[in-house]
C-alpha cells in the first residue's frame, strides 16, 4: 500500500502529502492556529507545511515556487532539507550564503537529491534569516521497506507524525534580538495565554495497537519536554538514526531534533493529555496550553479532566543512555583529542554590536556563497568569506569538535549539515564514550564548566554549515562553516538554473526583498 501511494504521488505531485516529486509553492497567508490571526510564510498555504514523504532509495525532486508578495516579511526564500547528507548534491542543501543565493520572489528552483542510504524522520525549513519563524517549516519522512524495528509497531502513517513548534504573534522581521513565543503548536494547533479555547490536535488510537509516533521539533528556539499521560514511550530512532530501544516516560526535544517512539495504546479507553512544555515562554498546561489529546476510539470527545497537572516522570530521557542500533563506535582513537583534526569552538556574545561570535568571529552570510567562492578558485580559510568563520578540512579524516558550555543563551542546539556525528561527550556528563555513543545531527551544549564533543569523518565534499538551531541566534552570528575537501568541492556539478540564482537575487529592489518594518 505504501509503495503504491508513493508511486502515485510521482504523477500527482500534491495530494494528502508531497513527494518524492512535486511542486512546493511558498505563499503568504493569514492564519490563526492558536486563535490569534497573523500573516505568515507557508509551504503550500499550510502550517505545518505539506508533509513530504519518500522511500529509501528515492530521488527527491521538489520544485520550490516563490509566490511571496507581503513586503512586511522576507519575499525571497531558500529551503534546507534537514538531516539529508546531500552526497554529490551540496548545491541543494539550502543555507543562504553557504551553498546558494536565495530564490527571488516570482521565481522557482528545483531541489534534486537522492537518499540511497537514509531513512527515518526529517524536516524542511527556510534557511534565510529568521524566515522559518514566520511559518515556513514542515516534516519529512523517508520509509525503509526493511526497517529493522518494523516488528515493534503496528501503525506508522501520516497521522502519527507529531510536529512541535513555537509560535509568535509578532512578525519575525519586527523582533529585535531574541523573540519570546506566544504559544506552542502541536500539529499546527494550540492555545495562548488569555486566548480562546481553540480546538487542540487529537491523535486517534485503537486500544491494543502499537503506534510509531514521529516527533519533530520545528522550533525556532525553545526545547520541549514531551510526555503522554499514562503511557511510556520506546525510542527507536533519533535524527534519522536507528537506535537500540530505550523506554522513557518523558523526552526533551531540542530545536531541530527528531525522535521515533513506539507507544502502546494499552490503557483504558479514554482521553489522555499529550504535553509539550517549552523551556521558556508560556510554560505549564492551564487551560490546555502546550497540549494535544491522545484519543482512544470509543471514548467521549471531551478533553481529559485534569487540565494543568504536570506529569511526574520516573524515567526521563538521558542522552547518554541512547545507543545506535548499527555500526556503533566513534571514528578515531578512543581518547580525548584522538582525531586527525581537533577544533575547539568558543562562543561569546557581544553587546555592541549585539552578536554572537565563534572563536572571535561572527558568521555574517557573504554575498557570494561559500560554494561559489570555491568554484571561483578560493581554497584556503584565509581566502574564504566570511573571514574567520570558514574552517577548511582535508578529505577522509576524523574531526573532533568541542564546544564548551556556559555561553550566553545556552543550551545551544548545534546542527551540522551533510553529516550525522557521534556525540562522544554529551552535555551534563563528564564521561567520554568512544565505543557506542549516540549518533545524530543536532546536539545541545551545556552549562558553565561543561563540554559537548562530537566526531565525524570528512567523507562528504562541500561547505557544511555548523550552527545553533535557535534561529534568532543563527541570525546574529552563531555559526561556522566546515569547508570539506575544497578541491573535490570545486569539481561539483550544479544545474543550469543554479547559476541564475545570484544575479536574480542581487537585482531585487528593497520592496522585492521584503522585510520592511514600519
Protein backbone atom coordinates (compact mmCIF):
# COMPACT_ATOMS: atom_id res chain seq x y z
CA UNK A 1 0.00 0.00 0.00
CA UNK A 2 2.75 2.49 0.96
CA UNK A 3 4.80 1.77 -2.14
CA UNK A 4 1.79 2.23 -4.44
CA UNK A 5 0.95 5.53 -2.72
CA UNK A 6 4.47 6.84 -3.24
CA UNK A 7 4.38 5.83 -6.91
CA UNK A 8 1.03 7.55 -7.35
CA UNK A 9 2.40 10.77 -5.89
CA UNK A 10 5.05 10.90 -8.59
CA UNK A 11 2.23 11.53 -11.08
CA UNK A 12 0.02 13.59 -8.76
CA UNK A 13 2.56 15.88 -7.07
CA UNK A 14 0.29 17.43 -4.43
CA UNK A 15 -2.16 15.23 -2.56
CA UNK A 16 -2.52 14.28 1.08
CA UNK A 17 1.27 14.58 1.18
CA UNK A 18 4.01 15.53 -1.26
CA UNK A 19 6.93 13.59 -2.62
CA UNK A 20 9.25 12.44 -3.68
CA UNK A 21 8.44 14.55 -6.77
CA UNK A 22 6.22 17.62 -6.83
CA UNK A 23 5.69 21.36 -6.55
CA UNK A 24 6.02 23.25 -3.28
CA UNK A 25 4.54 26.76 -3.58
CA UNK A 26 5.72 29.21 -0.91
CA UNK A 27 2.93 31.69 -0.17
CA UNK A 28 1.75 34.36 2.22
CA UNK A 29 -1.43 33.59 4.10
CA UNK A 30 -3.30 34.87 7.15
CA UNK A 31 -3.89 32.08 9.68
CA UNK A 32 -4.86 31.77 13.36
CA UNK A 33 -3.54 28.41 14.60
CA UNK A 34 -3.83 29.43 18.25
CA UNK A 35 -6.79 31.80 17.79
CA UNK A 36 -4.66 34.88 17.04
CA UNK A 37 -4.70 35.87 13.38
CA UNK A 38 -1.46 36.95 11.68
CA UNK A 39 0.16 36.91 8.22
CA UNK A 40 2.66 34.12 7.59
CA UNK A 41 5.06 32.50 5.14
CA UNK A 42 3.87 28.95 4.43
CA UNK A 43 4.64 25.91 2.32
CA UNK A 44 1.57 25.25 0.18
CA UNK A 45 -0.51 27.50 2.43
CA UNK A 46 -0.36 25.15 5.42
CA UNK A 47 1.13 25.08 8.90
CA UNK A 48 2.95 22.90 9.44
CA UNK A 49 3.97 22.77 5.79
CA UNK A 50 2.99 19.96 3.46
CA UNK A 51 4.25 16.58 4.74
CA UNK A 52 6.89 15.37 2.28
CA UNK A 53 7.37 11.60 2.01
CA UNK A 54 9.52 9.13 0.17
CA UNK A 55 11.14 5.72 0.41
CA UNK A 56 14.77 4.82 0.96
CA UNK A 57 16.45 4.81 -2.45
CA UNK A 58 14.20 7.54 -3.91
CA UNK A 59 15.39 10.73 -5.56
CA UNK A 60 13.54 13.79 -4.31
CA UNK A 61 12.79 16.45 -6.90
CA UNK A 62 10.93 19.35 -5.30
CA UNK A 63 10.13 22.46 -7.31
CA UNK A 64 10.06 25.35 -4.82
CA UNK A 65 7.91 28.16 -6.24
CA UNK A 66 8.36 31.54 -4.54
CA UNK A 67 4.99 33.32 -4.65
CA UNK A 68 5.64 35.66 -1.70
CA UNK A 69 4.18 39.17 -2.01
CA UNK A 70 3.88 40.54 1.56
CA UNK A 71 6.58 43.21 1.95
CA UNK A 72 6.38 43.04 5.76
CA UNK A 73 8.19 39.67 5.63
CA UNK A 74 11.06 38.38 3.52
CA UNK A 75 9.94 37.69 -0.05
CA UNK A 76 12.90 35.59 -1.17
CA UNK A 77 13.47 32.13 0.27
CA UNK A 78 15.62 29.02 0.42
CA UNK A 79 14.77 25.54 1.67
CA UNK A 80 17.05 23.33 3.75
CA UNK A 81 16.24 19.62 3.81
CA UNK A 82 17.28 18.96 7.39
CA UNK A 83 19.17 15.75 8.08
CA UNK A 84 19.90 14.70 4.50
CA UNK A 85 23.55 14.14 3.61
CA UNK A 86 23.27 15.67 0.12
CA UNK A 87 26.09 13.46 -1.12
CA UNK A 88 27.13 14.89 -4.51
CA UNK A 89 24.35 17.49 -4.26
CA UNK A 90 25.74 20.06 -1.82
CA UNK A 91 24.25 22.79 -4.04
CA UNK A 92 20.78 21.58 -2.95
CA UNK A 93 21.45 21.87 0.80
CA UNK A 94 19.78 25.27 1.09
CA UNK A 95 21.53 27.66 3.52
CA UNK A 96 21.72 31.17 2.04
CA UNK A 97 25.28 32.44 1.78
CA UNK A 98 26.77 28.97 2.14
CA UNK A 99 25.52 26.86 -0.78
CA UNK A 100 23.24 29.24 -2.69
CA UNK A 101 21.73 32.68 -3.16
CA UNK A 102 18.05 32.91 -2.24
CA UNK A 103 15.24 32.21 -4.69
CA UNK A 104 13.80 35.56 -5.77
CA UNK A 105 10.11 36.31 -5.44
CA UNK A 106 8.28 35.22 -8.60
CA UNK A 107 10.98 32.66 -9.40
CA UNK A 108 11.24 28.90 -8.79
CA UNK A 109 14.06 26.44 -8.23
CA UNK A 110 14.16 22.66 -8.31
CA UNK A 111 15.99 20.90 -5.47
CA UNK A 112 17.03 17.40 -6.52
CA UNK A 113 18.79 14.96 -4.21
CA UNK A 114 18.94 11.23 -3.61
CA UNK A 115 18.53 9.28 -0.40
CA UNK A 116 20.25 5.99 -1.29
CA UNK A 117 21.17 5.07 2.29
CA UNK A 118 18.98 7.18 4.59
CA UNK A 119 15.58 6.57 6.16
CA UNK A 120 13.78 7.99 9.15
CA UNK A 121 12.32 11.28 10.32
CA UNK A 122 13.48 14.60 8.88
CA UNK A 123 12.13 18.08 8.23
CA UNK A 124 12.48 21.08 5.95
CA UNK A 125 12.53 24.80 6.59
CA UNK A 126 13.61 28.14 5.24
CA UNK A 127 17.32 28.81 5.72
CA UNK A 128 17.17 32.56 5.12
CA UNK A 129 17.49 34.81 8.16
CA UNK A 130 14.61 34.06 10.62
CA UNK A 131 12.02 33.33 7.93
CA UNK A 132 11.04 29.91 9.23
CA UNK A 133 9.85 31.57 12.45
CA UNK A 134 7.14 33.14 10.27
CA UNK A 135 5.88 29.67 9.38
CA UNK A 136 7.97 28.05 6.63
CA UNK A 137 8.66 24.65 8.24
CA UNK A 138 7.33 21.13 7.79
CA UNK A 139 8.05 17.44 8.36
CA UNK A 140 9.60 14.85 6.05
CA UNK A 141 9.57 11.06 6.35
CA UNK A 142 11.64 8.51 4.43
CA UNK A 143 10.29 4.99 4.89
CA UNK A 144 12.53 1.92 4.94
CA UNK A 145 10.93 -1.24 3.47
CA UNK A 146 13.48 -3.22 5.50
CA UNK A 147 13.05 -1.26 8.75
CA UNK A 148 14.78 -3.31 11.48
CA UNK A 149 12.22 -2.05 14.02
CA UNK A 150 9.18 -2.98 11.92
CA UNK A 151 8.06 -5.75 14.29
CA UNK A 152 7.78 -3.30 17.17
CA UNK A 153 4.82 -1.25 15.87
CA UNK A 154 1.53 -1.74 14.05
CA UNK A 155 0.81 1.77 12.75
CA UNK A 156 3.12 4.31 11.07
CA UNK A 157 1.32 6.78 8.81
CA UNK A 158 0.66 10.48 8.19
CA UNK A 159 -1.42 10.70 11.36
CA UNK A 160 1.41 9.55 13.62
CA UNK A 161 3.76 12.39 12.64
CA UNK A 162 3.75 14.90 15.52
CA UNK A 163 5.25 18.35 14.98
CA UNK A 164 6.17 20.65 17.87
CA UNK A 165 6.52 24.35 17.11
CA UNK A 166 6.89 27.63 18.94
CA UNK A 167 4.56 30.29 17.56
CA UNK A 168 4.94 34.08 17.54
CA UNK A 169 2.27 36.73 17.16
CA UNK A 170 4.88 39.28 16.02
CA UNK A 171 6.36 39.06 12.53
CA UNK A 172 9.96 37.84 12.57
CA UNK A 173 11.47 40.99 10.93
CA UNK A 174 9.99 43.15 13.72
CA UNK A 175 11.61 41.14 16.51
CA UNK A 176 14.83 42.64 17.83
CA UNK A 177 17.30 40.16 19.27
CA UNK A 178 15.52 37.04 20.53
CA UNK A 179 11.77 36.54 20.35
CA UNK A 180 9.56 35.09 23.08
CA UNK A 181 7.00 32.58 21.80
CA UNK A 182 3.33 33.23 22.47
CA UNK A 183 2.21 29.61 22.19
CA UNK A 184 3.14 26.02 21.39
CA UNK A 185 1.55 24.36 18.39
CA UNK A 186 1.25 20.57 18.20
CA UNK A 187 0.47 19.59 14.61
CA UNK A 188 -0.41 23.20 13.94
CA UNK A 189 -2.91 23.76 16.76
CA UNK A 190 -2.57 25.34 20.18
CA UNK A 191 -3.72 27.98 22.63
CA UNK A 192 -2.13 31.11 24.02
CA UNK A 193 -2.41 32.59 27.46
CA UNK A 194 -5.53 34.76 27.56
CA UNK A 195 -6.83 33.45 24.25
CA UNK A 196 -9.91 31.44 23.40
CA UNK A 197 -10.30 27.69 23.86
CA UNK A 198 -9.44 26.76 20.29
CA UNK A 199 -9.55 23.14 19.16
CA UNK A 200 -6.47 21.09 20.04
CA UNK A 201 -4.89 18.39 17.92
CA UNK A 202 -6.31 14.93 18.57
CA UNK A 203 -4.26 11.82 17.87
CA UNK A 204 -6.65 8.88 17.43
CA UNK A 205 -5.61 5.39 18.54
CA UNK A 206 -7.24 1.99 18.76
CA UNK A 207 -6.79 0.20 22.05
CA UNK A 208 -4.31 -2.67 21.76
CA UNK A 209 -2.33 -1.33 18.81
CA UNK A 210 1.25 -0.04 18.88
CA UNK A 211 1.96 3.31 17.23
CA UNK A 212 5.20 4.71 15.84
CA UNK A 213 4.99 8.40 16.70
CA UNK A 214 7.47 10.52 14.75
CA UNK A 215 8.17 13.57 16.94
CA UNK A 216 9.63 16.50 15.02
CA UNK A 217 10.78 19.73 16.64
CA UNK A 218 10.17 22.60 14.21
CA UNK A 219 11.24 25.02 16.93
CA UNK A 220 12.85 28.40 16.36
CA UNK A 221 14.07 28.45 19.94
CA UNK A 222 12.73 26.52 22.96
CA UNK A 223 13.16 22.85 23.66
CA UNK A 224 10.03 20.89 24.52
CA UNK A 225 9.59 18.28 27.23
CA UNK A 226 7.26 15.77 25.59
CA UNK A 227 5.13 13.26 27.50
CA UNK A 228 1.83 11.40 27.21
CA UNK A 229 -0.11 10.89 30.42
CA UNK A 230 -0.28 7.25 31.46
CA UNK A 231 1.94 5.96 28.64
CA UNK A 232 5.58 5.02 28.26
CA UNK A 233 7.48 5.61 25.04
CA UNK A 234 10.14 3.37 23.48
CA UNK A 235 12.68 5.37 21.48
CA UNK A 236 13.75 3.59 18.28
CA UNK A 237 15.17 6.45 16.20
CA UNK A 238 16.95 9.76 16.77
CA UNK A 239 17.59 12.22 13.92
CA UNK A 240 17.27 9.60 11.20
CA UNK A 241 19.49 7.06 13.00
CA UNK A 242 18.02 3.78 14.28
CA UNK A 243 18.71 3.27 17.97
CA UNK A 244 18.60 0.42 20.40
CA UNK A 245 15.17 0.53 22.09
CA UNK A 246 15.07 2.77 25.16
CA UNK A 247 11.97 3.14 27.35
CA UNK A 248 11.24 6.60 28.77
CA UNK A 249 8.19 8.46 30.01
CA UNK A 250 9.36 11.97 29.11
CA UNK A 251 11.63 13.29 26.41
CA UNK A 252 13.31 16.69 26.00
CA UNK A 253 13.41 17.57 22.31
CA UNK A 254 15.68 20.43 21.26
CA UNK A 255 15.18 22.62 18.19
CA UNK A 256 15.75 20.56 15.04
CA UNK A 257 15.78 17.16 16.76
CA UNK A 258 13.54 14.25 15.84
CA UNK A 259 12.63 11.01 17.60
CA UNK A 260 10.56 7.99 16.71
CA UNK A 261 8.90 6.45 19.74
CA UNK A 262 6.62 3.43 19.98
CA UNK A 263 3.56 3.97 22.16
CA UNK A 264 1.37 1.00 23.06
CA UNK A 265 -2.28 2.01 23.36
CA UNK A 266 -2.80 -0.33 26.30
CA UNK A 267 -4.66 1.89 28.75
CA UNK A 268 -8.40 2.00 29.39
CA UNK A 269 -10.42 3.66 26.63
CA UNK A 270 -10.40 7.39 27.30
CA UNK A 271 -8.61 10.65 26.53
CA UNK A 272 -5.08 11.43 27.71
CA UNK A 273 -3.09 14.65 27.64
CA UNK A 274 -0.14 14.93 25.29
CA UNK A 275 2.18 17.56 26.76
CA UNK A 276 4.97 19.61 25.14
CA UNK A 277 6.20 22.01 27.81
CA UNK A 278 8.55 24.66 26.36
CA UNK A 279 11.79 25.58 28.10
CA UNK A 280 10.67 29.22 28.22
CA UNK A 281 7.78 31.43 27.19
CA UNK A 282 4.33 30.43 28.44
CA UNK A 283 5.01 27.24 30.36
CA UNK A 284 2.57 24.90 32.08
CA UNK A 285 -0.74 23.45 30.95
CA UNK A 286 -3.53 25.58 32.43
CA UNK A 287 -6.47 25.74 30.04
CA UNK A 288 -4.88 23.29 27.63
CA UNK A 289 -1.70 25.29 26.94
CA UNK A 290 1.16 23.35 25.32
CA UNK A 291 -1.11 20.34 24.85
CA UNK A 292 -2.83 17.92 22.50
CA UNK A 293 -5.03 14.90 23.18
CA UNK A 294 -4.42 11.17 22.73
CA UNK A 295 -7.93 9.92 21.94
CA UNK A 296 -8.86 6.25 22.15
CA UNK A 297 -11.54 5.34 19.62
CA UNK A 298 -14.71 4.74 21.58
CA UNK A 299 -14.03 7.45 24.17
CA UNK A 300 -16.05 10.64 24.51
CA UNK A 301 -14.99 13.71 22.53
CA UNK A 302 -14.35 15.73 25.70
CA UNK A 303 -10.87 16.79 26.80
CA UNK A 304 -9.24 14.96 29.72
CA UNK A 305 -10.37 16.15 33.13
CA UNK A 306 -7.04 17.16 34.61
CA UNK A 307 -6.03 20.32 32.78
CA UNK A 308 -2.98 21.80 34.46
CA UNK A 309 -1.17 18.89 36.11
CA UNK A 310 2.47 18.25 35.22
CA UNK A 311 3.24 14.59 34.51
CA UNK A 312 5.62 13.15 37.09
CA UNK A 313 8.50 11.47 35.24
CA UNK A 314 10.06 8.36 36.75
CA UNK A 315 12.20 7.54 33.70
CA UNK A 316 13.13 10.75 31.85
CA UNK A 317 15.30 10.61 28.77
CA UNK A 318 19.06 10.87 29.27
CA UNK A 319 21.06 11.22 26.06
CA UNK A 320 24.00 9.11 27.25
CA UNK A 321 21.67 6.11 27.63
CA UNK A 322 20.84 6.05 23.92
CA UNK A 323 22.86 3.81 21.59
CA UNK A 324 22.91 3.43 17.80
CA UNK A 325 21.44 0.16 16.56
CA UNK A 326 24.01 -0.40 13.82
CA UNK A 327 27.76 0.19 13.37
CA UNK A 328 28.41 1.65 16.83
CA UNK A 329 31.67 3.39 17.63
CA UNK A 330 33.16 6.82 17.05
CA UNK A 331 35.95 7.24 14.48
CA UNK A 332 39.48 7.99 15.64
CA UNK A 333 41.42 6.87 18.69
CA UNK A 334 39.47 6.22 21.92
CA UNK A 335 40.93 9.16 23.80
CA UNK A 336 40.42 12.92 24.10
CA UNK A 337 41.90 14.63 21.08
CA UNK A 338 42.30 11.28 19.31
CA UNK A 339 41.28 12.68 15.91
CA UNK A 340 43.19 13.90 12.87
CA UNK A 341 41.72 17.40 13.26
CA UNK A 342 40.73 18.83 16.65
CA UNK A 343 38.74 22.06 16.83
CA UNK A 344 37.53 23.98 19.89
CA UNK A 345 34.67 26.42 19.33
CA UNK A 346 34.47 29.15 21.98
CA UNK A 347 31.17 31.05 21.93
CA UNK A 348 30.82 34.65 23.07
CA UNK A 349 28.08 37.28 22.94
CA UNK A 350 28.98 40.93 22.43
CA UNK A 351 26.58 43.78 23.17
CA UNK A 352 27.92 46.44 20.78
CA UNK A 353 27.30 45.21 18.20
CA UNK A 354 24.78 42.68 19.54
CA UNK A 355 26.07 39.46 18.02
CA UNK A 356 27.42 36.02 18.74
CA UNK A 357 30.98 35.15 17.84
CA UNK A 358 32.69 31.77 17.49
CA UNK A 359 36.42 31.94 18.18
CA UNK A 360 36.09 35.72 17.89
CA UNK A 361 34.26 35.83 14.53
CA UNK A 362 30.52 36.37 13.87
CA UNK A 363 29.01 34.47 10.95
CA UNK A 364 27.65 37.07 8.53
CA UNK A 365 26.39 35.41 5.32
CA UNK A 366 28.57 36.56 2.40
CA UNK A 367 27.01 37.95 -0.77
CA UNK A 368 28.81 35.24 -2.76
CA UNK A 369 28.00 31.83 -1.25
CA UNK A 370 30.95 29.79 0.02
CA UNK A 371 30.35 27.09 -2.59
CA UNK A 372 30.61 29.64 -5.40
CA UNK A 373 33.75 31.13 -3.84
CA UNK A 374 35.41 27.72 -4.01
CA UNK A 375 34.22 27.16 -7.57
CA UNK A 376 35.75 30.56 -8.42
CA UNK A 377 39.18 29.45 -7.18
CA UNK A 378 39.33 30.09 -3.43
CA UNK A 379 40.66 27.14 -1.45
CA UNK A 380 42.02 28.18 1.95
CA UNK A 381 40.34 29.52 5.08
CA UNK A 382 42.27 32.78 4.58
CA UNK A 383 40.71 33.22 1.14
CA UNK A 384 37.16 32.26 2.04
CA UNK A 385 34.49 34.58 3.45
CA UNK A 386 33.13 35.31 5.96
CA UNK A 387 36.53 35.96 7.48
CA UNK A 388 37.28 33.76 10.49
CA UNK A 389 34.13 31.65 10.06
CA UNK A 390 35.29 29.07 7.49
CA UNK A 391 37.35 26.03 8.53
CA UNK A 392 38.89 24.03 5.69
CA UNK A 393 39.06 20.29 6.29
CA UNK A 394 41.00 17.64 4.32
CA UNK A 395 39.11 14.64 2.93
CA UNK A 396 38.86 11.25 4.66
CA UNK A 397 39.95 12.47 8.08
CA UNK A 398 38.44 12.22 11.55
CA UNK A 399 37.38 15.57 13.02
CA UNK A 400 36.68 16.22 16.70
CA UNK A 401 34.80 19.38 17.64
CA UNK A 402 34.47 20.51 21.24
CA UNK A 403 32.03 23.22 22.31
CA UNK A 404 32.43 24.49 25.89
CA UNK A 405 29.23 25.12 27.83
CA UNK A 406 28.12 28.14 29.76
CA UNK A 407 27.82 30.67 26.93
CA UNK A 408 25.05 33.27 26.89
CA UNK A 409 21.73 31.84 25.73
CA UNK A 410 22.76 28.22 26.38
CA UNK A 411 21.86 25.47 25.88
CA UNK A 412 22.51 25.85 22.16
CA UNK A 413 21.29 23.01 19.92
CA UNK A 414 24.03 22.68 17.27
CA UNK A 415 23.28 21.16 13.87
CA UNK A 416 25.89 20.03 11.34
CA UNK A 417 24.75 19.87 7.73
CA UNK A 418 25.83 16.99 5.48
CA UNK A 419 26.54 14.55 8.31
CA UNK A 420 25.50 12.71 11.37
CA UNK A 421 28.11 12.72 14.14
CA UNK A 422 28.98 10.67 17.19
CA UNK A 423 28.39 12.50 20.48
CA UNK A 424 31.40 11.29 22.44
CA UNK A 425 30.61 13.64 25.31
CA UNK A 426 27.08 14.87 25.99
CA UNK A 427 26.04 17.98 27.86
CA UNK A 428 25.66 17.28 31.55
CA UNK A 429 28.12 14.37 31.51
CA UNK A 430 31.85 14.21 32.22
CA UNK A 431 32.20 10.81 30.55
CA UNK A 432 33.67 10.23 27.10
CA UNK A 433 32.15 7.33 25.19
CA UNK A 434 34.01 6.19 22.08
CA UNK A 435 32.61 2.65 21.95
CA UNK A 436 28.90 3.25 21.26
CA UNK A 437 27.88 6.93 21.59
CA UNK A 438 24.61 8.19 20.21
CA UNK A 439 24.82 9.26 16.57
CA UNK A 440 22.66 12.18 15.44
CA UNK A 441 22.72 15.58 13.68
CA UNK A 442 21.61 18.02 16.44
CA UNK A 443 23.16 18.12 19.90
CA UNK A 444 22.80 20.64 22.72
CA UNK A 445 25.57 22.39 24.61
CA UNK A 446 25.70 22.56 28.38
CA UNK A 447 26.23 24.84 31.34
CA UNK A 448 29.40 26.52 32.62
CA UNK A 449 32.23 24.01 33.06
CA UNK A 450 30.51 21.58 30.73
CA UNK A 451 31.60 20.43 27.29
CA UNK A 452 29.91 18.85 24.27
CA UNK A 453 32.22 16.88 21.97
CA UNK A 454 31.37 15.33 18.60
CA UNK A 455 33.27 13.36 15.95
CA UNK A 456 32.69 12.72 12.25
CA UNK A 457 34.56 11.70 9.09
CA UNK A 458 35.17 14.11 6.23
CA UNK A 459 33.65 11.80 3.64
CA UNK A 460 31.27 14.30 2.01
CA UNK A 461 32.77 17.12 -0.03
CA UNK A 462 31.14 20.53 0.38
CA UNK A 463 30.77 23.59 2.60
CA UNK A 464 28.64 22.42 5.52
CA UNK A 465 27.35 24.95 8.00
CA UNK A 466 27.50 24.09 11.72
CA UNK A 467 25.11 26.36 13.58
CA UNK A 468 22.91 26.91 16.56
CA UNK A 469 19.37 25.91 15.64
CA UNK A 470 17.88 28.68 17.72
CA UNK A 471 17.12 30.73 14.63
CA UNK A 472 17.43 34.06 16.43
CA UNK A 473 20.99 33.08 17.47
CA UNK A 474 21.97 31.97 13.97
CA UNK A 475 20.72 35.28 12.61
CA UNK A 476 23.14 37.19 14.85
CA UNK A 477 26.19 35.14 14.05
CA UNK A 478 26.21 31.78 15.88
CA UNK A 479 27.61 29.57 13.12
CA UNK A 480 30.74 28.41 11.32
CA UNK A 481 31.28 26.62 8.01
CA UNK A 482 33.19 23.36 7.65
CA UNK A 483 34.58 23.55 4.09
CA UNK A 484 35.23 19.88 3.46
CA UNK A 485 37.62 18.84 0.67
CA UNK A 486 37.72 22.13 -1.24
CA UNK A 487 39.49 20.54 -4.21
CA UNK A 488 36.70 17.96 -4.56
CA UNK A 489 34.09 20.65 -3.97
CA UNK A 490 35.39 22.64 -6.94
CA UNK A 491 34.56 19.70 -9.21
CA UNK A 492 30.90 19.58 -8.19
CA UNK A 493 28.21 19.99 -10.84
CA UNK A 494 25.11 22.16 -10.43
CA UNK A 495 22.01 22.50 -12.63
CA UNK A 496 21.87 25.40 -15.09
CA UNK A 497 19.21 27.22 -13.03
CA UNK A 498 21.61 27.33 -10.08
CA UNK A 499 23.86 29.89 -11.81
CA UNK A 500 20.87 32.22 -12.27
CA UNK A 501 20.01 32.48 -8.55
CA UNK A 502 22.59 35.10 -7.54
CA UNK A 503 22.09 37.51 -10.49
CA UNK A 504 18.31 37.44 -9.97
CA UNK A 505 18.58 37.94 -6.22
CA UNK A 506 21.18 40.70 -6.49
CA UNK A 507 18.89 42.64 -8.85
CA UNK A 508 15.95 42.80 -6.41
CA UNK A 509 14.69 46.12 -5.08
CA UNK A 510 14.07 46.71 -1.37
CA UNK A 511 10.36 46.15 -1.91
CA UNK A 512 11.04 42.87 -3.70
CA UNK A 513 13.37 41.77 -0.89
CA UNK A 514 10.70 42.45 1.73
CA UNK A 515 11.15 42.51 5.49
CA UNK A 516 10.23 46.19 5.52
CA UNK A 517 9.49 47.25 9.10
CA UNK A 518 7.37 50.36 9.62
